[in-house]
Amino acid sequence: MEVRRLGNTGLKVSQLSLGTWLTFGEQLPEGDAVELLRRAYDQGVNFFDTADIYAKGEAERILGRGLRDLPRPSVVVSTKVFRETMPGPNGAGLSRKHIFESCHASLQRLALDYLDIYFCHSFDEGTPLEETVRAMGDLVRQGKVLYWGTSNWSARHLSEAVMIARQLGIPPPVVEQPEYNLLHRERVEHDLAPLVASEGIGLVTYAPLRSGLLTGKYNDGPPPGTRLAYREWLRPILTDPLALERVRRLTALAADLGLPLSQLAIAWLLSRPYVSSVILGASSLRHLDENLAAAEKRERLTPTVLEQIEQILAPSA
């Protein structure tokens, strides 16, 4: 498994990482989730991502138990803060109070002394950005967090956070976690790309398969037992006619290359500039093995193939 630097930092993360959203504590029993984690680790994955809100904290607990017998220096663990996880008016957001209380709670659930990466899960319009930056900087100074970053932030807000941190002599955010895939590109390529290039900010991307759409399994309608069966909010994504038509054409291209569409989609992400790691969300060992194997198939994405992909995804296509 290739490792990549997280932006301009010295931290090295596996190019493919394992996420826990919708799987740990929800789709998967704990034993299956831990088995998935260990399989990923044995194949070279060193980066594991979660959030305090996933499965109401259970994802962090399961991740912590899965990591318990692994050497702490061999893994990179990230979690997130912002969503409502506690009662009362201060139970959400990026205030100093919520950040500190959430960090302590996450460390307890994960059974860790420190976090490698702590993400601000969304931008908080209700908290002064300087307050958030100071709180994250203090966690770094205290040794509870090694690096901090953002998730789902605009380039404008991220740039402001970097500027404030530098003015105050505080470690700035070094990584952003956006959704990025073949069907969801605008924010990364047109908003974030110039900033991450100029500031050396790493990108760890999620939803590489667009919630399963880029596996091709929805090409002929939703099969039973998929996420759509119990996640109604996914329906607009997984039933969009234009997206489905493009996925069908991408499926045919992948077949010509002798690849499952999922591997084509992940390999494409690994070929993109600025991407430090692609977070996988596998729900079975078979899916995990197939997705991890995408790293070995990147050489099949020749300039000609990449141009074919662009033609399929062109606005007029």
C-alpha atoms as a PDB file:
ATOM      1  CA  MET A   1       0.000   0.000   0.000  1.00  0.00           C
ATOM      2  CA  GLU A   2       1.474   3.342  -1.066  1.00  0.00           C
ATOM      3  CA  VAL A   3       1.673   6.010   1.614  1.00  0.00           C
ATOM      4  CA  ARG A   4       1.388   9.728   0.887  1.00  0.00           C
ATOM      5  CA  ARG A   5       2.206  12.848   2.851  1.00  0.00           C
ATOM      6  CA  LEU A   6      -0.769  14.677   4.279  1.00  0.00           C
ATOM      7  CA  GLY A   7      -0.360  17.911   2.354  1.00  0.00           C
ATOM      8  CA  ASN A   8       2.882  19.599   3.374  1.00  0.00           C
ATOM      9  CA  THR A   9       3.040  17.917   6.783  1.00  0.00           C
ATOM     10  CA  GLY A  10       5.359  15.094   7.721  1.00  0.00           C
ATOM     11  CA  LEU A  11       2.439  12.785   8.492  1.00  0.00           C
ATOM     12  CA  LYS A  12       2.168   9.830   6.113  1.00  0.00           C
ATOM     13  CA  VAL A  13      -1.165   8.162   5.461  1.00  0.00           C
ATOM     14  CA  SER A  14      -2.081   5.171   3.330  1.00  0.00           C
ATOM     15  CA  GLN A  15      -3.473   6.227  -0.039  1.00  0.00           C
ATOM     16  CA  LEU A  16      -6.600   4.227   0.783  1.00  0.00           C
ATOM     17  CA  SER A  17      -8.137   4.522   4.240  1.00  0.00           C
ATOM     18  CA  LEU A  18     -11.104   3.015   6.035  1.00  0.00           C
ATOM     19  CA  GLY A  19     -14.111   5.037   7.152  1.00  0.00           C
ATOM     20  CA  THR A  20     -16.865   4.037   9.552  1.00  0.00           C
ATOM     21  CA  TRP A  21     -19.882   6.069   8.390  1.00  0.00           C
ATOM     22  CA  LEU A  22     -23.070   3.953   8.025  1.00  0.00           C
ATOM     23  CA  THR A  23     -21.120   0.742   8.714  1.00  0.00           C
ATOM     24  CA  PHE A  24     -19.582   0.574  12.200  1.00  0.00           C
ATOM     25  CA  GLY A  25     -22.411   0.389  14.721  1.00  0.00           C
ATOM     26  CA  GLU A  26     -25.126   0.436  12.029  1.00  0.00           C
ATOM     27  CA  GLN A  27     -24.824  -1.990   9.102  1.00  0.00           C
ATOM     28  CA  LEU A  28     -22.161  -4.170  10.703  1.00  0.00           C
ATOM     29  CA  PRO A  29     -22.146  -6.048  14.006  1.00  0.00           C
ATOM     30  CA  GLU A  30     -19.078  -5.242  16.077  1.00  0.00           C
ATOM     31  CA  GLY A  31     -17.312  -8.502  15.267  1.00  0.00           C
ATOM     32  CA  ASP A  32     -17.683  -7.974  11.518  1.00  0.00           C
ATOM     33  CA  ALA A  33     -16.551  -4.360  11.798  1.00  0.00           C
ATOM     34  CA  VAL A  34     -13.414  -5.319  13.721  1.00  0.00           C
ATOM     35  CA  GLU A  35     -12.670  -8.074  11.195  1.00  0.00           C
ATOM     36  CA  LEU A  36     -12.989  -5.507   8.396  1.00  0.00           C
ATOM     37  CA  LEU A  37     -10.621  -3.145  10.206  1.00  0.00           C
ATOM     38  CA  ARG A  38      -8.020  -5.867  10.750  1.00  0.00           C
ATOM     39  CA  ARG A  39      -8.209  -6.971   7.103  1.00  0.00           C
ATOM     40  CA  ALA A  40      -7.593  -3.389   6.001  1.00  0.00           C
ATOM     41  CA  TYR A  41      -4.678  -3.025   8.420  1.00  0.00           C
ATOM     42  CA  ASP A  42      -3.119  -6.295   7.245  1.00  0.00           C
ATOM     43  CA  GLN A  43      -3.247  -4.981   3.669  1.00  0.00           C
ATOM     44  CA  GLY A  44      -1.392  -1.793   4.533  1.00  0.00           C
ATOM     45  CA  VAL A  45      -4.123   0.630   5.552  1.00  0.00           C
ATOM     46  CA  ASN A  46      -2.877   2.809   8.408  1.00  0.00           C
ATOM     47  CA  PHE A  47      -5.527   5.567   8.407  1.00  0.00           C
ATOM     48  CA  PHE A  48      -8.932   5.084  10.049  1.00  0.00           C
ATOM     49  CA  ASP A  49     -11.601   7.799  10.053  1.00  0.00           C
ATOM     50  CA  THR A  50     -14.734   8.235  12.148  1.00  0.00           C
ATOM     51  CA  ALA A  51     -16.880  10.970  13.739  1.00  0.00           C
ATOM     52  CA  ASP A  52     -18.528  11.485  17.093  1.00  0.00           C
ATOM     53  CA  ILE A  53     -21.967  11.520  15.469  1.00  0.00           C
ATOM     54  CA  TYR A  54     -21.627   8.190  13.630  1.00  0.00           C
ATOM     55  CA  ALA A  55     -24.043   5.669  15.177  1.00  0.00           C
ATOM     56  CA  LYS A  56     -24.397   8.063  18.126  1.00  0.00           C
ATOM     57  CA  GLY A  57     -20.819   7.428  19.261  1.00  0.00           C
ATOM     58  CA  GLU A  58     -20.872   3.666  18.788  1.00  0.00           C
ATOM     59  CA  ALA A  59     -18.658   3.876  15.684  1.00  0.00           C
ATOM     60  CA  GLU A  60     -15.907   5.452  17.805  1.00  0.00           C
ATOM     61  CA  ARG A  61     -16.275   2.775  20.483  1.00  0.00           C
ATOM     62  CA  ILE A  62     -16.041  -0.061  17.971  1.00  0.00           C
ATOM     63  CA  LEU A  63     -13.104   1.560  16.195  1.00  0.00           C
ATOM     64  CA  GLY A  64     -11.316   1.952  19.514  1.00  0.00           C
ATOM     65  CA  ARG A  65     -11.861  -1.692  20.409  1.00  0.00           C
ATOM     66  CA  GLY A  66     -10.676  -2.767  16.968  1.00  0.00           C
ATOM     67  CA  LEU A  67      -7.458  -0.771  17.327  1.00  0.00           C
ATOM     68  CA  ARG A  68      -6.818  -1.891  20.890  1.00  0.00           C
ATOM     69  CA  ASP A  69      -4.212  -4.566  20.120  1.00  0.00           C
ATOM     70  CA  LEU A  70      -2.460  -2.684  17.300  1.00  0.00           C
ATOM     71  CA  PRO A  71       0.716  -0.633  17.913  1.00  0.00           C
ATOM     72  CA  ARG A  72      -0.453   2.949  18.431  1.00  0.00           C
ATOM     73  CA  PRO A  73       2.369   4.475  16.330  1.00  0.00           C
ATOM     74  CA  SER A  74       1.347   2.304  13.371  1.00  0.00           C
ATOM     75  CA  VAL A  75      -2.096   3.872  12.925  1.00  0.00           C
ATOM     76  CA  VAL A  76      -3.506   7.301  12.145  1.00  0.00           C
ATOM     77  CA  VAL A  77      -6.891   7.941  13.734  1.00  0.00           C
ATOM     78  CA  SER A  78      -9.227  10.834  12.971  1.00  0.00           C
ATOM     79  CA  THR A  79     -12.608  11.888  14.267  1.00  0.00           C
ATOM     80  CA  LYS A  80     -14.798  14.962  13.975  1.00  0.00           C
ATOM     81  CA  VAL A  81     -16.677  17.597  15.968  1.00  0.00           C
ATOM     82  CA  PHE A  82     -19.648  19.847  15.151  1.00  0.00           C
ATOM     83  CA  ARG A  83     -22.898  17.873  15.091  1.00  0.00           C
ATOM     84  CA  GLU A  84     -25.229  17.710  18.049  1.00  0.00           C
ATOM     85  CA  THR A  85     -23.970  15.014  20.412  1.00  0.00           C
ATOM     86  CA  MET A  86     -24.892  16.437  23.808  1.00  0.00           C
ATOM     87  CA  PRO A  87     -28.034  17.926  25.382  1.00  0.00           C
ATOM     88  CA  GLY A  88     -28.543  21.636  25.807  1.00  0.00           C
ATOM     89  CA  PRO A  89     -27.823  24.734  23.734  1.00  0.00           C
ATOM     90  CA  ASN A  90     -24.062  24.059  23.735  1.00  0.00           C
ATOM     91  CA  GLY A  91     -24.369  20.465  22.587  1.00  0.00           C
ATOM     92  CA  ALA A  92     -23.336  21.220  18.994  1.00  0.00           C
ATOM     93  CA  GLY A  93     -21.202  23.640  16.987  1.00  0.00           C
ATOM     94  CA  LEU A  94     -17.603  24.778  17.107  1.00  0.00           C
ATOM     95  CA  SER A  95     -17.567  26.808  20.296  1.00  0.00           C
ATOM     96  CA  ARG A  96     -14.607  26.325  22.590  1.00  0.00           C
ATOM     97  CA  LYS A  97     -16.900  24.572  25.083  1.00  0.00           C
ATOM     98  CA  HIS A  98     -18.303  22.056  22.602  1.00  0.00           C
ATOM     99  CA  ILE A  99     -14.931  21.377  20.975  1.00  0.00           C
ATOM    100  CA  PHE A 100     -13.227  20.621  24.306  1.00  0.00           C
ATOM    101  CA  GLU A 101     -16.072  18.520  25.673  1.00  0.00           C
ATOM    102  CA  SER A 102     -16.424  16.626  22.388  1.00  0.00           C
ATOM    103  CA  CYS A 103     -12.704  15.931  22.133  1.00  0.00           C
ATOM    104  CA  HIS A 104     -12.617  14.516  25.655  1.00  0.00           C
ATOM    105  CA  ALA A 105     -15.688  12.360  24.966  1.00  0.00           C
ATOM    106  CA  SER A 106     -14.237  11.049  21.687  1.00  0.00           C
ATOM    107  CA  LEU A 107     -10.927  10.168  23.317  1.00  0.00           C
ATOM    108  CA  GLN A 108     -12.817   8.261  25.988  1.00  0.00           C
ATOM    109  CA  ARG A 109     -14.915   6.326  23.485  1.00  0.00           C
ATOM    110  CA  LEU A 110     -11.871   5.560  21.329  1.00  0.00           C
ATOM    111  CA  ALA A 111      -9.799   4.658  24.407  1.00  0.00           C
ATOM    112  CA  LEU A 112      -6.938   6.818  23.096  1.00  0.00           C
ATOM    113  CA  ASP A 113      -4.682   9.409  24.695  1.00  0.00           C
ATOM    114  CA  TYR A 114      -4.583  11.612  21.600  1.00  0.00           C
ATOM    115  CA  LEU A 115      -6.069  12.020  18.121  1.00  0.00           C
ATOM    116  CA  ASP A 116      -3.841  12.123  15.079  1.00  0.00           C
ATOM    117  CA  ILE A 117      -6.312  14.337  13.194  1.00  0.00           C
ATOM    118  CA  TYR A 118      -9.335  16.246  14.524  1.00  0.00           C
ATOM    119  CA  PHE A 119     -11.772  17.597  11.942  1.00  0.00           C
ATOM    120  CA  CYS A 120     -14.272  20.432  12.250  1.00  0.00           C
ATOM    121  CA  HIS A 121     -17.140  18.534  10.633  1.00  0.00           C
ATOM    122  CA  SER A 122     -18.863  21.606   9.130  1.00  0.00           C
ATOM    123  CA  PHE A 123     -18.439  25.362   9.275  1.00  0.00           C
ATOM    124  CA  ASP A 124     -20.185  27.014  12.232  1.00  0.00           C
ATOM    125  CA  GLU A 125     -21.808  30.308  11.279  1.00  0.00           C
ATOM    126  CA  GLY A 126     -22.745  30.878  14.924  1.00  0.00           C
ATOM    127  CA  THR A 127     -19.228  30.885  16.407  1.00  0.00           C
ATOM    128  CA  PRO A 128     -16.452  33.418  15.701  1.00  0.00           C
ATOM    129  CA  LEU A 129     -13.855  31.655  13.591  1.00  0.00           C
ATOM    130  CA  GLU A 130     -11.060  32.921  15.829  1.00  0.00           C
ATOM    131  CA  GLU A 131     -12.643  31.101  18.787  1.00  0.00           C
ATOM    132  CA  THR A 132     -12.664  27.846  16.845  1.00  0.00           C
ATOM    133  CA  VAL A 133      -9.078  28.278  15.640  1.00  0.00           C
ATOM    134  CA  ARG A 134      -7.850  29.071  19.169  1.00  0.00           C
ATOM    135  CA  ALA A 135      -9.645  26.039  20.615  1.00  0.00           C
ATOM    136  CA  MET A 136      -8.148  23.677  18.032  1.00  0.00           C
ATOM    137  CA  GLY A 137      -4.726  25.222  18.556  1.00  0.00           C
ATOM    138  CA  ASP A 138      -4.997  24.697  22.297  1.00  0.00           C
ATOM    139  CA  LEU A 139      -5.826  21.022  21.816  1.00  0.00           C
ATOM    140  CA  VAL A 140      -2.696  20.704  19.682  1.00  0.00           C
ATOM    141  CA  ARG A 141      -0.631  22.499  22.334  1.00  0.00           C
ATOM    142  CA  GLN A 142      -2.000  20.176  25.017  1.00  0.00           C
ATOM    143  CA  GLY A 143      -1.022  17.106  22.998  1.00  0.00           C
ATOM    144  CA  LYS A 144      -4.597  15.846  22.681  1.00  0.00           C
ATOM    145  CA  VAL A 145      -4.570  16.480  18.925  1.00  0.00           C
ATOM    146  CA  LEU A 146      -1.567  16.272  16.593  1.00  0.00           C
ATOM    147  CA  TYR A 147      -3.069  17.867  13.482  1.00  0.00           C
ATOM    148  CA  TRP A 148      -6.402  19.521  12.834  1.00  0.00           C
ATOM    149  CA  GLY A 149      -8.454  20.071   9.752  1.00  0.00           C
ATOM    150  CA  THR A 150     -11.869  20.770   8.318  1.00  0.00           C
ATOM    151  CA  SER A 151     -14.586  18.834   6.544  1.00  0.00           C
ATOM    152  CA  ASN A 152     -17.109  20.229   4.079  1.00  0.00           C
ATOM    153  CA  TRP A 153     -15.688  23.757   4.383  1.00  0.00           C
ATOM    154  CA  SER A 154     -15.514  26.232   1.528  1.00  0.00           C
ATOM    155  CA  ALA A 155     -12.163  27.519   0.332  1.00  0.00           C
ATOM    156  CA  ARG A 156     -13.073  30.961   1.669  1.00  0.00           C
ATOM    157  CA  HIS A 157     -13.666  29.744   5.216  1.00  0.00           C
ATOM    158  CA  LEU A 158     -10.634  27.475   5.141  1.00  0.00           C
ATOM    159  CA  SER A 159      -8.441  30.309   3.873  1.00  0.00           C
ATOM    160  CA  GLU A 160      -9.693  32.567   6.669  1.00  0.00           C
ATOM    161  CA  ALA A 161      -8.872  29.905   9.260  1.00  0.00           C
ATOM    162  CA  VAL A 162      -5.340  29.564   7.900  1.00  0.00           C
ATOM    163  CA  MET A 163      -4.854  33.340   7.968  1.00  0.00           C
ATOM    164  CA  ILE A 164      -6.154  33.686  11.547  1.00  0.00           C
ATOM    165  CA  ALA A 165      -3.969  30.820  12.760  1.00  0.00           C
ATOM    166  CA  ARG A 166      -0.854  32.357  11.244  1.00  0.00           C
ATOM    167  CA  GLN A 167      -1.626  35.773  12.675  1.00  0.00           C
ATOM    168  CA  LEU A 168      -2.010  34.244  16.141  1.00  0.00           C
ATOM    169  CA  GLY A 169       0.947  31.891  15.882  1.00  0.00           C
ATOM    170  CA  ILE A 170      -1.347  28.852  16.102  1.00  0.00           C
ATOM    171  CA  PRO A 171      -0.942  25.649  14.050  1.00  0.00           C
ATOM    172  CA  PRO A 172      -3.261  26.091  11.048  1.00  0.00           C
ATOM    173  CA  PRO A 173      -5.591  23.481   9.577  1.00  0.00           C
ATOM    174  CA  VAL A 174      -3.579  21.142   7.367  1.00  0.00           C
ATOM    175  CA  VAL A 175      -6.264  18.966   5.782  1.00  0.00           C
ATOM    176  CA  GLU A 176      -9.778  19.213   4.356  1.00  0.00           C
ATOM    177  CA  GLN A 177     -12.158  16.268   4.014  1.00  0.00           C
ATOM    178  CA  PRO A 178     -14.634  16.846   1.151  1.00  0.00           C
ATOM    179  CA  GLU A 179     -16.873  14.564  -0.833  1.00  0.00           C
ATOM    180  CA  TYR A 180     -15.134  13.859  -4.126  1.00  0.00           C
ATOM    181  CA  ASN A 181     -15.926  11.338  -6.829  1.00  0.00           C
ATOM    182  CA  LEU A 182     -16.541  11.061 -10.554  1.00  0.00           C
ATOM    183  CA  LEU A 183     -20.035  12.510 -10.170  1.00  0.00           C
ATOM    184  CA  HIS A 184     -19.296  15.142  -7.530  1.00  0.00           C
ATOM    185  CA  ARG A 185     -16.322  17.279  -8.567  1.00  0.00           C
ATOM    186  CA  GLU A 186     -17.222  20.964  -8.593  1.00  0.00           C
ATOM    187  CA  ARG A 187     -16.283  21.935  -5.036  1.00  0.00           C
ATOM    188  CA  VAL A 188     -12.903  20.226  -5.051  1.00  0.00           C
ATOM    189  CA  GLU A 189     -11.785  21.136  -8.546  1.00  0.00           C
ATOM    190  CA  HIS A 190     -13.152  24.691  -8.802  1.00  0.00           C
ATOM    191  CA  ASP A 191     -13.278  25.910  -5.201  1.00  0.00           C
ATOM    192  CA  LEU A 192     -10.702  24.052  -3.112  1.00  0.00           C
ATOM    193  CA  ALA A 193      -7.990  23.122  -5.633  1.00  0.00           C
ATOM    194  CA  PRO A 194      -6.255  26.535  -5.903  1.00  0.00           C
ATOM    195  CA  LEU A 195      -6.132  26.925  -2.115  1.00  0.00           C
ATOM    196  CA  VAL A 196      -4.874  23.443  -1.284  1.00  0.00           C
ATOM    197  CA  ALA A 197      -2.201  23.818  -3.955  1.00  0.00           C
ATOM    198  CA  SER A 198      -0.982  27.206  -2.715  1.00  0.00           C
ATOM    199  CA  GLU A 199      -1.146  26.353   1.006  1.00  0.00           C
ATOM    200  CA  GLY A 200      -0.075  22.716   0.846  1.00  0.00           C
ATOM    201  CA  ILE A 201      -3.273  21.472   2.456  1.00  0.00           C
ATOM    202  CA  GLY A 202      -3.986  17.766   2.146  1.00  0.00           C
ATOM    203  CA  LEU A 203      -7.250  16.309   0.903  1.00  0.00           C
ATOM    204  CA  VAL A 204      -8.714  13.118   2.328  1.00  0.00           C
ATOM    205  CA  THR A 205     -11.839  12.455   0.324  1.00  0.00           C
ATOM    206  CA  TYR A 206     -14.998  10.561   1.187  1.00  0.00           C
ATOM    207  CA  ALA A 207     -17.850   8.926  -0.772  1.00  0.00           C
ATOM    208  CA  PRO A 208     -15.612   7.673  -3.619  1.00  0.00           C
ATOM    209  CA  LEU A 209     -18.490   5.552  -4.943  1.00  0.00           C
ATOM    210  CA  ARG A 210     -21.204   8.210  -4.527  1.00  0.00           C
ATOM    211  CA  SER A 211     -23.058   6.155  -1.880  1.00  0.00           C
ATOM    212  CA  GLY A 212     -22.892   3.049  -4.083  1.00  0.00           C
ATOM    213  CA  LEU A 213     -24.036   4.638  -7.336  1.00  0.00           C
ATOM    214  CA  LEU A 214     -20.552   4.182  -8.829  1.00  0.00           C
ATOM    215  CA  THR A 215     -20.640   0.432  -8.307  1.00  0.00           C
ATOM    216  CA  GLY A 216     -23.198   0.087 -11.103  1.00  0.00           C
ATOM    217  CA  LYS A 217     -25.616  -1.855  -8.889  1.00  0.00           C
ATOM    218  CA  TYR A 218     -28.322   0.788  -9.377  1.00  0.00           C
ATOM    219  CA  ASN A 219     -28.085   0.767 -13.178  1.00  0.00           C
ATOM    220  CA  ASP A 220     -31.316  -1.229 -13.520  1.00  0.00           C
ATOM    221  CA  GLY A 221     -33.094   0.061 -10.436  1.00  0.00           C
ATOM    222  CA  PRO A 222     -32.384  -0.304  -6.716  1.00  0.00           C
ATOM    223  CA  PRO A 223     -31.761  -3.933  -5.706  1.00  0.00           C
ATOM    224  CA  PRO A 224     -33.159  -5.100  -2.352  1.00  0.00           C
ATOM    225  CA  GLY A 225     -30.975  -4.780   0.721  1.00  0.00           C
ATOM    226  CA  THR A 226     -29.038  -1.726  -0.474  1.00  0.00           C
ATOM    227  CA  ARG A 227     -28.629   1.531   1.439  1.00  0.00           C
ATOM    228  CA  LEU A 228     -31.587   3.006  -0.403  1.00  0.00           C
ATOM    229  CA  ALA A 229     -33.817   0.511   1.363  1.00  0.00           C
ATOM    230  CA  TYR A 230     -33.252   2.255   4.709  1.00  0.00           C
ATOM    231  CA  ARG A 231     -31.791   5.665   3.773  1.00  0.00           C
ATOM    232  CA  GLU A 232     -34.578   7.506   2.022  1.00  0.00           C
ATOM    233  CA  TRP A 233     -32.514  10.698   1.807  1.00  0.00           C
ATOM    234  CA  LEU A 234     -30.235   8.903  -0.673  1.00  0.00           C
ATOM    235  CA  ARG A 235     -33.043   8.491  -3.222  1.00  0.00           C
ATOM    236  CA  PRO A 236     -32.323  11.709  -5.188  1.00  0.00           C
ATOM    237  CA  ILE A 237     -28.673  10.670  -5.551  1.00  0.00           C
ATOM    238  CA  LEU A 238     -29.252   7.039  -6.467  1.00  0.00           C
ATOM    239  CA  THR A 239     -32.145   7.568  -8.886  1.00  0.00           C
ATOM    240  CA  ASP A 240     -30.953  10.647 -10.798  1.00  0.00           C
ATOM    241  CA  PRO A 241     -31.548   9.836 -14.509  1.00  0.00           C
ATOM    242  CA  LEU A 242     -28.562  11.800 -15.888  1.00  0.00           C
ATOM    243  CA  ALA A 243     -26.192  10.336 -13.310  1.00  0.00           C
ATOM    244  CA  LEU A 244     -27.453   6.819 -13.999  1.00  0.00           C
ATOM    245  CA  GLU A 245     -26.920   7.240 -17.734  1.00  0.00           C
ATOM    246  CA  ARG A 246     -23.334   8.345 -17.133  1.00  0.00           C
ATOM    247  CA  VAL A 247     -22.779   5.472 -14.732  1.00  0.00           C
ATOM    248  CA  ARG A 248     -23.990   3.001 -17.358  1.00  0.00           C
ATOM    249  CA  ARG A 249     -21.446   4.390 -19.830  1.00  0.00           C
ATOM    250  CA  LEU A 250     -18.712   4.324 -17.202  1.00  0.00           C
ATOM    251  CA  THR A 251     -19.651   0.720 -16.415  1.00  0.00           C
ATOM    252  CA  ALA A 252     -19.130  -0.215 -20.050  1.00  0.00           C
ATOM    253  CA  LEU A 253     -15.766   1.571 -20.129  1.00  0.00           C
ATOM    254  CA  ALA A 254     -14.656  -0.223 -16.972  1.00  0.00           C
ATOM    255  CA  ALA A 255     -15.702  -3.558 -18.466  1.00  0.00           C
ATOM    256  CA  ASP A 256     -13.582  -2.849 -21.549  1.00  0.00           C
ATOM    257  CA  LEU A 257     -10.626  -2.378 -19.185  1.00  0.00           C
ATOM    258  CA  GLY A 258     -11.418  -5.589 -17.326  1.00  0.00           C
ATOM    259  CA  LEU A 259     -12.326  -3.692 -14.140  1.00  0.00           C
ATOM    260  CA  PRO A 260     -15.364  -3.390 -11.906  1.00  0.00           C
ATOM    261  CA  LEU A 261     -16.698   0.161 -12.006  1.00  0.00           C
ATOM    262  CA  SER A 262     -15.827   0.621  -8.325  1.00  0.00           C
ATOM    263  CA  GLN A 263     -12.144   0.058  -9.062  1.00  0.00           C
ATOM    264  CA  LEU A 264     -12.232   2.482 -11.979  1.00  0.00           C
ATOM    265  CA  ALA A 265     -13.808   5.143  -9.740  1.00  0.00           C
ATOM    266  CA  ILE A 266     -11.275   4.686  -6.940  1.00  0.00           C
ATOM    267  CA  ALA A 267      -8.297   4.468  -9.294  1.00  0.00           C
ATOM    268  CA  TRP A 268      -9.445   7.726 -10.907  1.00  0.00           C
ATOM    269  CA  LEU A 269      -9.410   9.439  -7.512  1.00  0.00           C
ATOM    270  CA  LEU A 270      -5.908   8.144  -6.798  1.00  0.00           C
ATOM    271  CA  SER A 271      -4.752   9.751 -10.032  1.00  0.00           C
ATOM    272  CA  ARG A 272      -6.039  13.187  -9.024  1.00  0.00           C
ATOM    273  CA  PRO A 273      -3.649  15.863  -7.756  1.00  0.00           C
ATOM    274  CA  TYR A 274      -3.705  16.930  -4.104  1.00  0.00           C
ATOM    275  CA  VAL A 275      -5.476  13.761  -2.869  1.00  0.00           C
ATOM    276  CA  SER A 276      -3.626  12.359   0.126  1.00  0.00           C
ATOM    277  CA  SER A 277      -6.018   9.506   0.890  1.00  0.00           C
ATOM    278  CA  VAL A 278      -9.349   8.139  -0.332  1.00  0.00           C
ATOM    279  CA  ILE A 279     -11.654   7.000   2.464  1.00  0.00           C
ATOM    280  CA  LEU A 280     -13.403   3.707   1.699  1.00  0.00           C
ATOM    281  CA  GLY A 281     -16.723   2.758   3.248  1.00  0.00           C
ATOM    282  CA  ALA A 282     -16.838  -1.001   2.627  1.00  0.00           C
ATOM    283  CA  SER A 283     -19.487  -3.083   4.355  1.00  0.00           C
ATOM    284  CA  SER A 284     -18.057  -6.557   3.638  1.00  0.00           C
ATOM    285  CA  LEU A 285     -14.660  -8.217   3.290  1.00  0.00           C
ATOM    286  CA  ARG A 286     -15.365  -8.873  -0.391  1.00  0.00           C
ATOM    287  CA  HIS A 287     -16.107  -5.216  -1.059  1.00  0.00           C
ATOM    288  CA  LEU A 288     -13.073  -4.133   0.946  1.00  0.00           C
ATOM    289  CA  ASP A 289     -10.710  -6.443  -0.937  1.00  0.00           C
ATOM    290  CA  GLU A 290     -12.130  -5.315  -4.284  1.00  0.00           C
ATOM    291  CA  ASN A 291     -11.794  -1.644  -3.387  1.00  0.00           C
ATOM    292  CA  LEU A 292      -8.270  -1.987  -1.997  1.00  0.00           C
ATOM    293  CA  ALA A 293      -7.218  -3.721  -5.215  1.00  0.00           C
ATOM    294  CA  ALA A 294      -8.062  -0.536  -7.115  1.00  0.00           C
ATOM    295  CA  ALA A 295      -4.680   0.878  -6.099  1.00  0.00           C
ATOM    296  CA  GLU A 296      -2.993  -1.712  -8.297  1.00  0.00           C
ATOM    297  CA  LYS A 297      -5.158  -0.848 -11.305  1.00  0.00           C
ATOM    298  CA  ARG A 298      -4.293   2.822 -11.567  1.00  0.00           C
ATOM    299  CA  GLU A 299      -1.858   2.234 -14.437  1.00  0.00           C
ATOM    300  CA  ARG A 300      -4.786   1.134 -16.614  1.00  0.00           C
ATOM    301  CA  LEU A 301      -6.061   4.699 -16.541  1.00  0.00           C
ATOM    302  CA  THR A 302      -3.954   5.889 -19.446  1.00  0.00           C
ATOM    303  CA  PRO A 303      -4.320   9.431 -20.818  1.00  0.00           C
ATOM    304  CA  THR A 304      -6.653   7.991 -23.452  1.00  0.00           C
ATOM    305  CA  VAL A 305      -8.864   6.361 -20.810  1.00  0.00           C
ATOM    306  CA  LEU A 306      -8.905   9.541 -18.713  1.00  0.00           C
ATOM    307  CA  GLU A 307     -10.028  11.503 -21.768  1.00  0.00           C
ATOM    308  CA  GLN A 308     -12.797   8.967 -22.384  1.00  0.00           C
ATOM    309  CA  ILE A 309     -13.959   9.475 -18.819  1.00  0.00           C
ATOM    310  CA  GLU A 310     -14.043  13.230 -19.312  1.00  0.00           C
ATOM    311  CA  GLN A 311     -16.092  12.834 -22.472  1.00  0.00           C
ATOM    312  CA  ILE A 312     -18.656  10.700 -20.619  1.00  0.00           C
ATOM    313  CA  LEU A 313     -18.882  13.241 -17.824  1.00  0.00           C
ATOM    314  CA  ALA A 314     -18.936  16.342 -20.025  1.00  0.00           C
ATOM    315  CA  PRO A 315     -21.981  18.597 -19.384  1.00  0.00           C
ATOM    316  CA  SER A 316     -23.331  17.941 -22.872  1.00  0.00           C
ATOM    317  CA  ALA A 317     -22.808  14.198 -22.630  1.00  0.00           C
END
